[in-house]
Amino acid sequence: MAKPDLSIIVPVYNVEKYLEKCILSILKQEYREFELILVDDGSTDRSLDVCIQYSRCDERIHVIHKENSGVMNARKAGFLYSCGRYISFIDSDDWIEPKFYNGLVECMAIGCDAVLMAGYRIDGVKNKQVRTGLRQGVYCKSEIRQMLAKGIVSSLWSKLFKRELLENNLSLIDSRVWRGEDFLTSYACLLDADKIMVKNSYQYHYVQHTTSAMHQYSDKNIENLHYFVKNAKCIRKRKESSFLDVVWNRQILMELLDVIRKEFEVRDWLLSWKEIDEMDRKFSRIRFSHLLLGEGLKTVSEVMTEKEMWIFKLYSIRAYILLNLYLKYLNKSVWSK
């Protein structure tokens, strides 16, 4: 097989129920010049068997099997194996329509470093558009910076990257970050881009499950936030992207608020004194002054809603009893994603 223009990387972990639909949707693409790299991250179900079965039927499919170490390490392993000029990451429980990659030829012809795309988010029976919020077309470096400062959809599934962007930036992403890693990767790469294309066709179907890591409580949520903040600061310093401070702050604060909400929610919103002491111990690693890249409250107030500001204020003074009551008062649906 000749060297392909496109490498499609799919991290796989215990998704035998959804994996076949994902693989078939990729194989049905009208754009054919690609390799598909399936990275089995130590699955304990039949996911690896499904990968091997399809690799025997199509020479474009390559299978990597490794010990479980998280989605970021799986993506990095897939990238090191890949050889395409452009790289696409697809989640193994999602699926794409046949024309998803059709704009790649145009993108390569004009020398774009990345493509930003729209899609659909499937949450239960609901099918919602995930819009780029941008005019379709080509953007130069100064326009890209303005775009990033306003904020973009950071999901990796909504992007194609020129190989060089990932070569220069994947190593900057801490593999211990398992929530928010898409944000860190997307912004690190796009800060280096000179020209990008925005396509507002809806060809990707992002499937959300209530059992996914994004929806579940984990004892590692606070630890993840610690690594996320540290990694965000590192990238900010490396890229000298102080003009994006509001964006960095906003993302860090939203991660924090979601962790706080889950900490209370898993206890059915009721905390004993013993649990409050335990929560205080767990949060002690993350100090108020360490959370913000620019530490002024003015900056915080500019990126937070009134509800979020109250949660942050109560957290910052460790007023857990009041915070508990306040979160009980708020409608839970406000904080669901």
C-alpha atoms as a PDB file:
ATOM      1  CA  MET A   1       0.000   0.000   0.000  1.00  0.00           C
ATOM      2  CA  ALA A   2       1.314   3.459  -0.958  1.00  0.00           C
ATOM      3  CA  LYS A   3       1.879   6.058   1.737  1.00  0.00           C
ATOM      4  CA  PRO A   4      -1.567   7.568   2.489  1.00  0.00           C
ATOM      5  CA  ASP A   5      -2.411  11.256   2.746  1.00  0.00           C
ATOM      6  CA  LEU A   6      -4.574  10.687   5.822  1.00  0.00           C
ATOM      7  CA  SER A   7      -4.108   8.677   9.021  1.00  0.00           C
ATOM      8  CA  ILE A   8      -7.259   8.016  11.071  1.00  0.00           C
ATOM      9  CA  ILE A   9      -6.475   7.080  14.676  1.00  0.00           C
ATOM     10  CA  VAL A  10      -9.115   5.389  16.835  1.00  0.00           C
ATOM     11  CA  PRO A  11      -8.302   4.635  20.503  1.00  0.00           C
ATOM     12  CA  VAL A  12     -10.233   1.521  21.557  1.00  0.00           C
ATOM     13  CA  TYR A  13     -11.142   0.431  25.071  1.00  0.00           C
ATOM     14  CA  ASN A  14     -14.025  -1.926  25.940  1.00  0.00           C
ATOM     15  CA  VAL A  15     -16.355  -0.726  23.182  1.00  0.00           C
ATOM     16  CA  GLU A  16     -17.296  -3.974  21.429  1.00  0.00           C
ATOM     17  CA  LYS A  17     -20.939  -2.842  21.423  1.00  0.00           C
ATOM     18  CA  TYR A  18     -20.197   0.255  19.310  1.00  0.00           C
ATOM     19  CA  LEU A  19     -16.893  -0.452  17.562  1.00  0.00           C
ATOM     20  CA  GLU A  20     -18.181  -2.195  14.441  1.00  0.00           C
ATOM     21  CA  LYS A  21     -20.449   0.730  13.528  1.00  0.00           C
ATOM     22  CA  CYS A  22     -17.513   3.122  13.947  1.00  0.00           C
ATOM     23  CA  ILE A  23     -15.156   1.047  11.762  1.00  0.00           C
ATOM     24  CA  LEU A  24     -17.750   0.478   9.029  1.00  0.00           C
ATOM     25  CA  SER A  25     -18.534   4.201   8.834  1.00  0.00           C
ATOM     26  CA  ILE A  26     -14.834   4.887   8.222  1.00  0.00           C
ATOM     27  CA  LEU A  27     -14.497   2.179   5.573  1.00  0.00           C
ATOM     28  CA  LYS A  28     -17.515   3.647   3.709  1.00  0.00           C
ATOM     29  CA  GLN A  29     -15.796   7.005   3.201  1.00  0.00           C
ATOM     30  CA  GLU A  30     -15.891   8.437  -0.323  1.00  0.00           C
ATOM     31  CA  TYR A  31     -12.325   9.639   0.306  1.00  0.00           C
ATOM     32  CA  ARG A  32     -10.259   6.463   0.083  1.00  0.00           C
ATOM     33  CA  GLU A  33      -6.594   7.466   0.521  1.00  0.00           C
ATOM     34  CA  PHE A  34      -6.269   6.741   4.234  1.00  0.00           C
ATOM     35  CA  GLU A  35      -4.915   4.305   6.766  1.00  0.00           C
ATOM     36  CA  LEU A  36      -6.976   3.344   9.806  1.00  0.00           C
ATOM     37  CA  ILE A  37      -5.033   2.737  13.004  1.00  0.00           C
ATOM     38  CA  LEU A  38      -6.997   0.981  15.743  1.00  0.00           C
ATOM     39  CA  VAL A  39      -5.199   1.275  19.097  1.00  0.00           C
ATOM     40  CA  ASP A  40      -6.512  -1.272  21.573  1.00  0.00           C
ATOM     41  CA  ASP A  41      -5.738   0.128  25.023  1.00  0.00           C
ATOM     42  CA  GLY A  42      -5.828  -3.152  26.930  1.00  0.00           C
ATOM     43  CA  SER A  43      -9.513  -3.944  26.406  1.00  0.00           C
ATOM     44  CA  THR A  44     -10.958  -6.742  28.528  1.00  0.00           C
ATOM     45  CA  ASP A  45     -13.958  -7.397  26.262  1.00  0.00           C
ATOM     46  CA  ARG A  46     -13.953  -8.513  22.583  1.00  0.00           C
ATOM     47  CA  SER A  47     -12.839  -5.144  21.193  1.00  0.00           C
ATOM     48  CA  LEU A  48      -9.408  -6.430  20.155  1.00  0.00           C
ATOM     49  CA  ASP A  49     -10.989  -9.400  18.344  1.00  0.00           C
ATOM     50  CA  VAL A  50     -13.207  -6.992  16.380  1.00  0.00           C
ATOM     51  CA  CYS A  51     -10.147  -4.909  15.423  1.00  0.00           C
ATOM     52  CA  ILE A  52      -8.198  -7.951  14.226  1.00  0.00           C
ATOM     53  CA  GLN A  53     -11.186  -9.301  12.299  1.00  0.00           C
ATOM     54  CA  TYR A  54     -11.517  -6.112  10.247  1.00  0.00           C
ATOM     55  CA  SER A  55      -7.770  -5.745   9.726  1.00  0.00           C
ATOM     56  CA  ARG A  56      -7.791  -9.113   7.928  1.00  0.00           C
ATOM     57  CA  CYS A  57     -10.375  -7.798   5.474  1.00  0.00           C
ATOM     58  CA  ASP A  58      -8.796  -4.445   4.565  1.00  0.00           C
ATOM     59  CA  GLU A  59      -5.071  -3.727   4.163  1.00  0.00           C
ATOM     60  CA  ARG A  60      -5.623  -0.101   5.177  1.00  0.00           C
ATOM     61  CA  ILE A  61      -6.390  -1.181   8.742  1.00  0.00           C
ATOM     62  CA  HIS A  62      -3.569  -1.564  11.278  1.00  0.00           C
ATOM     63  CA  VAL A  63      -4.022  -2.778  14.852  1.00  0.00           C
ATOM     64  CA  ILE A  64      -1.893  -1.805  17.839  1.00  0.00           C
ATOM     65  CA  HIS A  65      -2.386  -3.667  21.112  1.00  0.00           C
ATOM     66  CA  LYS A  66      -0.959  -2.170  24.299  1.00  0.00           C
ATOM     67  CA  GLU A  67      -1.436  -2.248  28.040  1.00  0.00           C
ATOM     68  CA  ASN A  68      -4.090   0.093  29.378  1.00  0.00           C
ATOM     69  CA  SER A  69      -2.667   3.555  30.026  1.00  0.00           C
ATOM     70  CA  GLY A  70      -5.396   5.987  28.971  1.00  0.00           C
ATOM     71  CA  VAL A  71      -6.718   7.634  25.833  1.00  0.00           C
ATOM     72  CA  MET A  72      -3.906  10.177  25.487  1.00  0.00           C
ATOM     73  CA  ASN A  73      -1.219   7.493  25.470  1.00  0.00           C
ATOM     74  CA  ALA A  74      -3.292   5.522  22.958  1.00  0.00           C
ATOM     75  CA  ARG A  75      -3.463   8.549  20.658  1.00  0.00           C
ATOM     76  CA  LYS A  76       0.266   9.108  20.995  1.00  0.00           C
ATOM     77  CA  ALA A  77       0.966   5.448  20.152  1.00  0.00           C
ATOM     78  CA  GLY A  78      -1.275   5.675  17.106  1.00  0.00           C
ATOM     79  CA  PHE A  79       0.421   8.864  15.948  1.00  0.00           C
ATOM     80  CA  LEU A  80       3.917   7.361  16.253  1.00  0.00           C
ATOM     81  CA  TYR A  81       2.789   4.456  14.069  1.00  0.00           C
ATOM     82  CA  SER A  82       1.051   6.664  11.494  1.00  0.00           C
ATOM     83  CA  CYS A  83       2.552   8.054   8.295  1.00  0.00           C
ATOM     84  CA  GLY A  84      -0.182  10.318   6.863  1.00  0.00           C
ATOM     85  CA  ARG A  85       0.295  13.997   6.011  1.00  0.00           C
ATOM     86  CA  TYR A  86      -2.910  14.755   7.924  1.00  0.00           C
ATOM     87  CA  ILE A  87      -4.161  13.177  11.136  1.00  0.00           C
ATOM     88  CA  SER A  88      -7.715  12.596  12.330  1.00  0.00           C
ATOM     89  CA  PHE A  89      -8.799  11.285  15.748  1.00  0.00           C
ATOM     90  CA  ILE A  90     -12.141   9.499  16.035  1.00  0.00           C
ATOM     91  CA  ASP A  91     -13.702   8.158  19.228  1.00  0.00           C
ATOM     92  CA  SER A  92     -14.476   4.458  18.999  1.00  0.00           C
ATOM     93  CA  ASP A  93     -18.152   4.784  19.950  1.00  0.00           C
ATOM     94  CA  ASP A  94     -18.840   7.530  17.371  1.00  0.00           C
ATOM     95  CA  TRP A  95     -19.520   7.289  13.635  1.00  0.00           C
ATOM     96  CA  ILE A  96     -19.099   9.454  10.547  1.00  0.00           C
ATOM     97  CA  GLU A  97     -21.022   9.977   7.327  1.00  0.00           C
ATOM     98  CA  PRO A  98     -19.476   9.032   3.929  1.00  0.00           C
ATOM     99  CA  LYS A  99     -18.544  12.597   2.941  1.00  0.00           C
ATOM    100  CA  PHE A 100     -16.749  13.481   6.203  1.00  0.00           C
ATOM    101  CA  TYR A 101     -13.255  13.637   4.666  1.00  0.00           C
ATOM    102  CA  ASN A 102     -14.220  14.981   1.241  1.00  0.00           C
ATOM    103  CA  GLY A 103     -12.818  18.447   1.930  1.00  0.00           C
ATOM    104  CA  LEU A 104      -9.335  17.113   2.692  1.00  0.00           C
ATOM    105  CA  VAL A 105      -8.122  17.345  -0.907  1.00  0.00           C
ATOM    106  CA  GLU A 106      -9.087  21.031  -1.044  1.00  0.00           C
ATOM    107  CA  CYS A 107      -7.410  21.600   2.313  1.00  0.00           C
ATOM    108  CA  MET A 108      -4.129  20.038   1.117  1.00  0.00           C
ATOM    109  CA  ALA A 109      -4.237  21.956  -2.182  1.00  0.00           C
ATOM    110  CA  ILE A 110      -4.190  25.349  -0.446  1.00  0.00           C
ATOM    111  CA  GLY A 111      -1.770  24.290   2.302  1.00  0.00           C
ATOM    112  CA  CYS A 112      -4.002  24.451   5.387  1.00  0.00           C
ATOM    113  CA  ASP A 113      -2.545  23.341   8.704  1.00  0.00           C
ATOM    114  CA  ALA A 114      -5.876  22.230  10.157  1.00  0.00           C
ATOM    115  CA  VAL A 115      -9.576  21.852   9.430  1.00  0.00           C
ATOM    116  CA  LEU A 116     -12.320  22.673  11.947  1.00  0.00           C
ATOM    117  CA  MET A 117     -15.655  20.908  11.422  1.00  0.00           C
ATOM    118  CA  ALA A 118     -19.149  20.766  12.843  1.00  0.00           C
ATOM    119  CA  GLY A 119     -21.097  17.671  13.866  1.00  0.00           C
ATOM    120  CA  TYR A 120     -23.930  16.202  15.888  1.00  0.00           C
ATOM    121  CA  ARG A 121     -23.962  15.293  19.574  1.00  0.00           C
ATOM    122  CA  ILE A 122     -26.196  12.309  20.310  1.00  0.00           C
ATOM    123  CA  ASP A 123     -27.254  12.276  23.963  1.00  0.00           C
ATOM    124  CA  GLY A 124     -29.783   9.512  24.494  1.00  0.00           C
ATOM    125  CA  VAL A 125     -32.504  10.038  21.894  1.00  0.00           C
ATOM    126  CA  LYS A 126     -31.573  13.682  21.302  1.00  0.00           C
ATOM    127  CA  ASN A 127     -29.484  14.695  18.301  1.00  0.00           C
ATOM    128  CA  LYS A 128     -28.087  18.203  18.707  1.00  0.00           C
ATOM    129  CA  GLN A 129     -25.905  20.195  16.354  1.00  0.00           C
ATOM    130  CA  VAL A 130     -22.394  21.023  17.564  1.00  0.00           C
ATOM    131  CA  ARG A 131     -21.633  24.180  15.621  1.00  0.00           C
ATOM    132  CA  THR A 132     -18.245  25.734  15.021  1.00  0.00           C
ATOM    133  CA  GLY A 133     -19.792  29.173  15.553  1.00  0.00           C
ATOM    134  CA  LEU A 134     -17.567  30.399  12.718  1.00  0.00           C
ATOM    135  CA  ARG A 135     -18.049  31.521   9.162  1.00  0.00           C
ATOM    136  CA  GLN A 136     -17.096  28.787   6.711  1.00  0.00           C
ATOM    137  CA  GLY A 137     -13.866  29.558   4.872  1.00  0.00           C
ATOM    138  CA  VAL A 138     -10.108  29.949   5.251  1.00  0.00           C
ATOM    139  CA  TYR A 139      -8.490  31.870   8.143  1.00  0.00           C
ATOM    140  CA  CYS A 140      -4.975  33.298   8.421  1.00  0.00           C
ATOM    141  CA  LYS A 141      -2.820  33.363  11.577  1.00  0.00           C
ATOM    142  CA  SER A 142      -4.090  36.679  12.984  1.00  0.00           C
ATOM    143  CA  GLU A 143      -7.692  35.539  12.473  1.00  0.00           C
ATOM    144  CA  ILE A 144      -6.933  32.211  14.136  1.00  0.00           C
ATOM    145  CA  ARG A 145      -5.671  33.998  17.237  1.00  0.00           C
ATOM    146  CA  GLN A 146      -8.823  36.108  17.392  1.00  0.00           C
ATOM    147  CA  MET A 147     -10.870  32.939  17.015  1.00  0.00           C
ATOM    148  CA  LEU A 148      -9.023  31.176  19.853  1.00  0.00           C
ATOM    149  CA  ALA A 149      -9.406  34.196  22.123  1.00  0.00           C
ATOM    150  CA  LYS A 150     -13.187  34.009  21.706  1.00  0.00           C
ATOM    151  CA  GLY A 151     -13.207  30.263  22.301  1.00  0.00           C
ATOM    152  CA  ILE A 152     -13.802  27.292  20.006  1.00  0.00           C
ATOM    153  CA  VAL A 153     -15.177  23.750  20.215  1.00  0.00           C
ATOM    154  CA  SER A 154     -12.079  21.995  21.517  1.00  0.00           C
ATOM    155  CA  SER A 155     -13.013  18.363  20.805  1.00  0.00           C
ATOM    156  CA  LEU A 156     -10.392  16.509  18.747  1.00  0.00           C
ATOM    157  CA  TRP A 157     -13.032  14.699  16.701  1.00  0.00           C
ATOM    158  CA  SER A 158     -13.968  18.051  15.103  1.00  0.00           C
ATOM    159  CA  LYS A 159     -10.486  18.634  13.657  1.00  0.00           C
ATOM    160  CA  LEU A 160      -7.959  17.450  11.106  1.00  0.00           C
ATOM    161  CA  PHE A 161      -4.343  18.365  11.822  1.00  0.00           C
ATOM    162  CA  LYS A 162      -1.351  18.602   9.548  1.00  0.00           C
ATOM    163  CA  ARG A 163       1.228  16.125  10.790  1.00  0.00           C
ATOM    164  CA  GLU A 164       3.769  18.783  11.815  1.00  0.00           C
ATOM    165  CA  LEU A 165       1.361  20.385  14.303  1.00  0.00           C
ATOM    166  CA  LEU A 166       1.051  17.144  16.251  1.00  0.00           C
ATOM    167  CA  GLU A 167       4.766  16.348  15.957  1.00  0.00           C
ATOM    168  CA  ASN A 168       5.513  19.634  17.695  1.00  0.00           C
ATOM    169  CA  ASN A 169       2.778  19.504  20.326  1.00  0.00           C
ATOM    170  CA  LEU A 170       1.656  16.000  21.357  1.00  0.00           C
ATOM    171  CA  SER A 171       4.695  15.671  23.602  1.00  0.00           C
ATOM    172  CA  LEU A 172       3.525  18.774  25.515  1.00  0.00           C
ATOM    173  CA  ILE A 173       0.312  17.059  26.630  1.00  0.00           C
ATOM    174  CA  ASP A 174       0.524  15.319  30.005  1.00  0.00           C
ATOM    175  CA  SER A 175      -0.820  11.785  29.515  1.00  0.00           C
ATOM    176  CA  ARG A 176      -2.080  11.808  33.101  1.00  0.00           C
ATOM    177  CA  VAL A 177      -4.764  14.300  32.065  1.00  0.00           C
ATOM    178  CA  TRP A 178      -7.836  12.273  31.122  1.00  0.00           C
ATOM    179  CA  ARG A 179     -10.419  15.083  31.239  1.00  0.00           C
ATOM    180  CA  GLY A 180      -9.671  18.220  29.250  1.00  0.00           C
ATOM    181  CA  GLU A 181      -6.903  16.673  27.137  1.00  0.00           C
ATOM    182  CA  ASP A 182      -8.766  17.622  23.943  1.00  0.00           C
ATOM    183  CA  PHE A 183      -8.739  21.265  24.992  1.00  0.00           C
ATOM    184  CA  LEU A 184      -5.007  21.224  25.706  1.00  0.00           C
ATOM    185  CA  THR A 185      -4.161  19.445  22.437  1.00  0.00           C
ATOM    186  CA  SER A 186      -6.394  21.601  20.225  1.00  0.00           C
ATOM    187  CA  TYR A 187      -5.185  24.925  21.575  1.00  0.00           C
ATOM    188  CA  ALA A 188      -1.516  23.900  21.600  1.00  0.00           C
ATOM    189  CA  CYS A 189      -1.723  22.859  17.937  1.00  0.00           C
ATOM    190  CA  LEU A 190      -3.836  25.744  16.666  1.00  0.00           C
ATOM    191  CA  LEU A 191      -1.561  28.332  18.291  1.00  0.00           C
ATOM    192  CA  ASP A 192       1.095  27.137  15.801  1.00  0.00           C
ATOM    193  CA  ALA A 193      -1.188  27.092  12.743  1.00  0.00           C
ATOM    194  CA  ASP A 194      -0.694  29.645   9.954  1.00  0.00           C
ATOM    195  CA  LYS A 195      -3.818  28.793   7.947  1.00  0.00           C
ATOM    196  CA  ILE A 196      -6.935  26.784   8.793  1.00  0.00           C
ATOM    197  CA  MET A 197     -10.172  25.900   7.034  1.00  0.00           C
ATOM    198  CA  VAL A 198     -13.610  25.902   8.677  1.00  0.00           C
ATOM    199  CA  LYS A 199     -16.264  23.590   7.224  1.00  0.00           C
ATOM    200  CA  ASN A 200     -19.784  23.756   8.615  1.00  0.00           C
ATOM    201  CA  SER A 201     -21.103  20.498   7.154  1.00  0.00           C
ATOM    202  CA  TYR A 202     -22.504  18.128   9.777  1.00  0.00           C
ATOM    203  CA  GLN A 203     -20.928  14.741   9.073  1.00  0.00           C
ATOM    204  CA  TYR A 204     -19.716  13.553  12.500  1.00  0.00           C
ATOM    205  CA  HIS A 205     -21.950  11.889  15.109  1.00  0.00           C
ATOM    206  CA  TYR A 206     -20.543  12.254  18.620  1.00  0.00           C
ATOM    207  CA  VAL A 207     -22.323   9.759  20.877  1.00  0.00           C
ATOM    208  CA  GLN A 208     -22.523  10.537  24.597  1.00  0.00           C
ATOM    209  CA  HIS A 209     -23.200   7.725  27.049  1.00  0.00           C
ATOM    210  CA  THR A 210     -24.249   8.149  30.675  1.00  0.00           C
ATOM    211  CA  THR A 211     -21.578   5.586  31.555  1.00  0.00           C
ATOM    212  CA  SER A 212     -18.753   7.562  29.939  1.00  0.00           C
ATOM    213  CA  ALA A 213     -15.930   9.042  32.020  1.00  0.00           C
ATOM    214  CA  MET A 214     -17.239  12.558  31.359  1.00  0.00           C
ATOM    215  CA  HIS A 215     -20.473  11.739  33.202  1.00  0.00           C
ATOM    216  CA  GLN A 216     -19.093   9.634  36.026  1.00  0.00           C
ATOM    217  CA  TYR A 217     -17.735  10.455  39.460  1.00  0.00           C
ATOM    218  CA  SER A 218     -14.172   9.342  40.097  1.00  0.00           C
ATOM    219  CA  ASP A 219     -11.817   9.682  43.034  1.00  0.00           C
ATOM    220  CA  LYS A 220      -9.263  10.797  40.434  1.00  0.00           C
ATOM    221  CA  ASN A 221     -11.259  13.881  39.342  1.00  0.00           C
ATOM    222  CA  ILE A 222      -9.365  16.173  41.693  1.00  0.00           C
ATOM    223  CA  GLU A 223      -6.027  14.629  40.765  1.00  0.00           C
ATOM    224  CA  ASN A 224      -6.872  15.165  37.090  1.00  0.00           C
ATOM    225  CA  LEU A 225      -7.653  18.825  37.764  1.00  0.00           C
ATOM    226  CA  HIS A 226      -4.245  19.220  39.421  1.00  0.00           C
ATOM    227  CA  TYR A 227      -2.454  17.870  36.332  1.00  0.00           C
ATOM    228  CA  PHE A 228      -4.720  19.820  33.965  1.00  0.00           C
ATOM    229  CA  VAL A 229      -3.923  23.149  35.634  1.00  0.00           C
ATOM    230  CA  LYS A 230      -0.201  22.387  35.671  1.00  0.00           C
ATOM    231  CA  ASN A 231      -0.265  21.357  31.992  1.00  0.00           C
ATOM    232  CA  ALA A 232      -2.265  24.436  30.955  1.00  0.00           C
ATOM    233  CA  LYS A 233       0.293  26.693  32.636  1.00  0.00           C
ATOM    234  CA  CYS A 234       3.148  24.861  30.937  1.00  0.00           C
ATOM    235  CA  ILE A 235       1.597  25.255  27.480  1.00  0.00           C
ATOM    236  CA  ARG A 236       0.744  28.903  28.127  1.00  0.00           C
ATOM    237  CA  LYS A 237       4.364  29.614  29.066  1.00  0.00           C
ATOM    238  CA  ARG A 238       5.792  27.588  26.165  1.00  0.00           C
ATOM    239  CA  LYS A 239       3.543  29.298  23.615  1.00  0.00           C
ATOM    240  CA  GLU A 240       3.696  32.757  25.232  1.00  0.00           C
ATOM    241  CA  SER A 241      -0.072  32.859  24.858  1.00  0.00           C
ATOM    242  CA  SER A 242      -0.922  35.376  27.586  1.00  0.00           C
ATOM    243  CA  PHE A 243      -3.506  36.891  25.235  1.00  0.00           C
ATOM    244  CA  LEU A 244      -5.537  33.705  25.843  1.00  0.00           C
ATOM    245  CA  ASP A 245      -5.565  34.033  29.643  1.00  0.00           C
ATOM    246  CA  VAL A 246      -9.347  34.454  29.799  1.00  0.00           C
ATOM    247  CA  VAL A 247      -9.779  31.269  27.751  1.00  0.00           C
ATOM    248  CA  TRP A 248      -7.333  29.279  29.910  1.00  0.00           C
ATOM    249  CA  ASN A 249      -8.969  30.606  33.099  1.00  0.00           C
ATOM    250  CA  ARG A 250     -12.451  29.809  31.872  1.00  0.00           C
ATOM    251  CA  GLN A 251     -11.577  26.202  31.057  1.00  0.00           C
ATOM    252  CA  ILE A 252      -9.762  25.663  34.361  1.00  0.00           C
ATOM    253  CA  LEU A 253     -12.698  27.113  36.307  1.00  0.00           C
ATOM    254  CA  MET A 254     -15.242  25.003  34.433  1.00  0.00           C
ATOM    255  CA  GLU A 255     -13.206  21.878  35.193  1.00  0.00           C
ATOM    256  CA  LEU A 256     -13.084  22.902  38.851  1.00  0.00           C
ATOM    257  CA  LEU A 257     -16.824  23.591  39.059  1.00  0.00           C
ATOM    258  CA  ASP A 258     -17.620  20.228  37.466  1.00  0.00           C
ATOM    259  CA  VAL A 259     -15.372  18.409  39.947  1.00  0.00           C
ATOM    260  CA  ILE A 260     -17.036  20.196  42.875  1.00  0.00           C
ATOM    261  CA  ARG A 261     -20.502  19.362  41.550  1.00  0.00           C
ATOM    262  CA  LYS A 262     -19.635  15.677  41.160  1.00  0.00           C
ATOM    263  CA  GLU A 263     -18.089  15.529  44.649  1.00  0.00           C
ATOM    264  CA  PHE A 264     -21.415  16.618  46.148  1.00  0.00           C
ATOM    265  CA  GLU A 265     -23.668  14.792  43.717  1.00  0.00           C
ATOM    266  CA  VAL A 266     -22.157  11.369  44.352  1.00  0.00           C
ATOM    267  CA  ARG A 267     -23.132  11.760  48.028  1.00  0.00           C
ATOM    268  CA  ASP A 268     -26.681  12.637  47.009  1.00  0.00           C
ATOM    269  CA  TRP A 269     -25.895  16.274  47.872  1.00  0.00           C
ATOM    270  CA  LEU A 270     -25.703  15.531  51.607  1.00  0.00           C
ATOM    271  CA  LEU A 271     -22.391  15.666  53.440  1.00  0.00           C
ATOM    272  CA  SER A 272     -21.466  14.577  56.958  1.00  0.00           C
ATOM    273  CA  TRP A 273     -18.748  16.391  58.903  1.00  0.00           C
ATOM    274  CA  LYS A 274     -16.443  13.443  58.246  1.00  0.00           C
ATOM    275  CA  GLU A 275     -17.055  13.739  54.501  1.00  0.00           C
ATOM    276  CA  ILE A 276     -16.472  17.484  54.625  1.00  0.00           C
ATOM    277  CA  ASP A 277     -13.095  16.897  56.303  1.00  0.00           C
ATOM    278  CA  GLU A 278     -12.229  14.308  53.663  1.00  0.00           C
ATOM    279  CA  MET A 279     -13.211  16.667  50.842  1.00  0.00           C
ATOM    280  CA  ASP A 280     -11.116  19.446  52.348  1.00  0.00           C
ATOM    281  CA  ARG A 281      -8.134  17.105  52.489  1.00  0.00           C
ATOM    282  CA  LYS A 282      -8.597  16.073  48.852  1.00  0.00           C
ATOM    283  CA  PHE A 283      -8.938  19.660  47.630  1.00  0.00           C
ATOM    284  CA  SER A 284      -5.987  20.907  49.679  1.00  0.00           C
ATOM    285  CA  ARG A 285      -3.587  20.124  46.812  1.00  0.00           C
ATOM    286  CA  ILE A 286      -5.294  22.761  44.668  1.00  0.00           C
ATOM    287  CA  ARG A 287      -5.042  26.255  46.070  1.00  0.00           C
ATOM    288  CA  PHE A 288      -7.002  29.280  44.966  1.00  0.00           C
ATOM    289  CA  SER A 289      -3.844  31.110  43.861  1.00  0.00           C
ATOM    290  CA  HIS A 290      -2.707  28.107  41.808  1.00  0.00           C
ATOM    291  CA  LEU A 291      -5.921  27.766  39.853  1.00  0.00           C
ATOM    292  CA  LEU A 292      -5.778  31.014  37.989  1.00  0.00           C
ATOM    293  CA  LEU A 293      -3.155  31.974  35.463  1.00  0.00           C
ATOM    294  CA  GLY A 294      -3.899  35.658  36.034  1.00  0.00           C
ATOM    295  CA  GLU A 295      -4.925  35.726  39.690  1.00  0.00           C
ATOM    296  CA  GLY A 296      -7.251  38.760  39.796  1.00  0.00           C
ATOM    297  CA  LEU A 297     -10.915  38.299  40.716  1.00  0.00           C
ATOM    298  CA  LYS A 298     -11.771  40.764  37.961  1.00  0.00           C
ATOM    299  CA  THR A 299     -10.557  38.236  35.421  1.00  0.00           C
ATOM    300  CA  VAL A 300     -12.600  35.513  37.122  1.00  0.00           C
ATOM    301  CA  SER A 301     -15.783  37.581  37.090  1.00  0.00           C
ATOM    302  CA  GLU A 302     -15.367  38.256  33.384  1.00  0.00           C
ATOM    303  CA  VAL A 303     -15.542  34.579  32.473  1.00  0.00           C
ATOM    304  CA  MET A 304     -18.072  33.252  35.017  1.00  0.00           C
ATOM    305  CA  THR A 305     -21.830  33.410  35.333  1.00  0.00           C
ATOM    306  CA  GLU A 306     -23.357  34.561  38.616  1.00  0.00           C
ATOM    307  CA  LYS A 307     -24.185  30.961  39.625  1.00  0.00           C
ATOM    308  CA  GLU A 308     -20.626  29.844  38.882  1.00  0.00           C
ATOM    309  CA  MET A 309     -19.185  32.800  40.784  1.00  0.00           C
ATOM    310  CA  TRP A 310     -21.105  31.848  43.928  1.00  0.00           C
ATOM    311  CA  ILE A 311     -19.859  28.271  43.743  1.00  0.00           C
ATOM    312  CA  PHE A 312     -16.300  29.475  43.289  1.00  0.00           C
ATOM    313  CA  LYS A 313     -16.545  31.977  46.175  1.00  0.00           C
ATOM    314  CA  LEU A 314     -17.964  29.387  48.557  1.00  0.00           C
ATOM    315  CA  TYR A 315     -15.336  26.859  47.520  1.00  0.00           C
ATOM    316  CA  SER A 316     -12.450  29.320  47.858  1.00  0.00           C
ATOM    317  CA  ILE A 317     -13.311  30.028  51.515  1.00  0.00           C
ATOM    318  CA  ARG A 318     -14.011  26.317  52.178  1.00  0.00           C
ATOM    319  CA  ALA A 319     -17.647  27.089  53.089  1.00  0.00           C
ATOM    320  CA  TYR A 320     -18.714  23.545  52.295  1.00  0.00           C
ATOM    321  CA  ILE A 321     -21.966  23.579  54.307  1.00  0.00           C
ATOM    322  CA  LEU A 322     -23.192  26.651  52.454  1.00  0.00           C
ATOM    323  CA  LEU A 323     -21.902  25.278  49.176  1.00  0.00           C
ATOM    324  CA  ASN A 324     -23.785  22.056  49.824  1.00  0.00           C
ATOM    325  CA  LEU A 325     -27.027  23.963  50.413  1.00  0.00           C
ATOM    326  CA  TYR A 326     -26.458  26.161  47.371  1.00  0.00           C
ATOM    327  CA  LEU A 327     -25.857  23.203  45.063  1.00  0.00           C
ATOM    328  CA  LYS A 328     -28.977  21.508  46.415  1.00  0.00           C
ATOM    329  CA  TYR A 329     -30.910  24.678  45.640  1.00  0.00           C
ATOM    330  CA  LEU A 330     -29.703  24.824  42.035  1.00  0.00           C
ATOM    331  CA  ASN A 331     -31.422  22.715  39.440  1.00  0.00           C
ATOM    332  CA  LYS A 332     -29.029  19.850  38.620  1.00  0.00           C
ATOM    333  CA  SER A 333     -29.800  20.158  34.907  1.00  0.00           C
ATOM    334  CA  VAL A 334     -28.001  23.496  34.888  1.00  0.00           C
ATOM    335  CA  TRP A 335     -24.701  21.664  35.412  1.00  0.00           C
ATOM    336  CA  SER A 336     -25.274  18.639  33.234  1.00  0.00           C
ATOM    337  CA  LYS A 337     -23.335  18.516  29.979  1.00  0.00           C
END
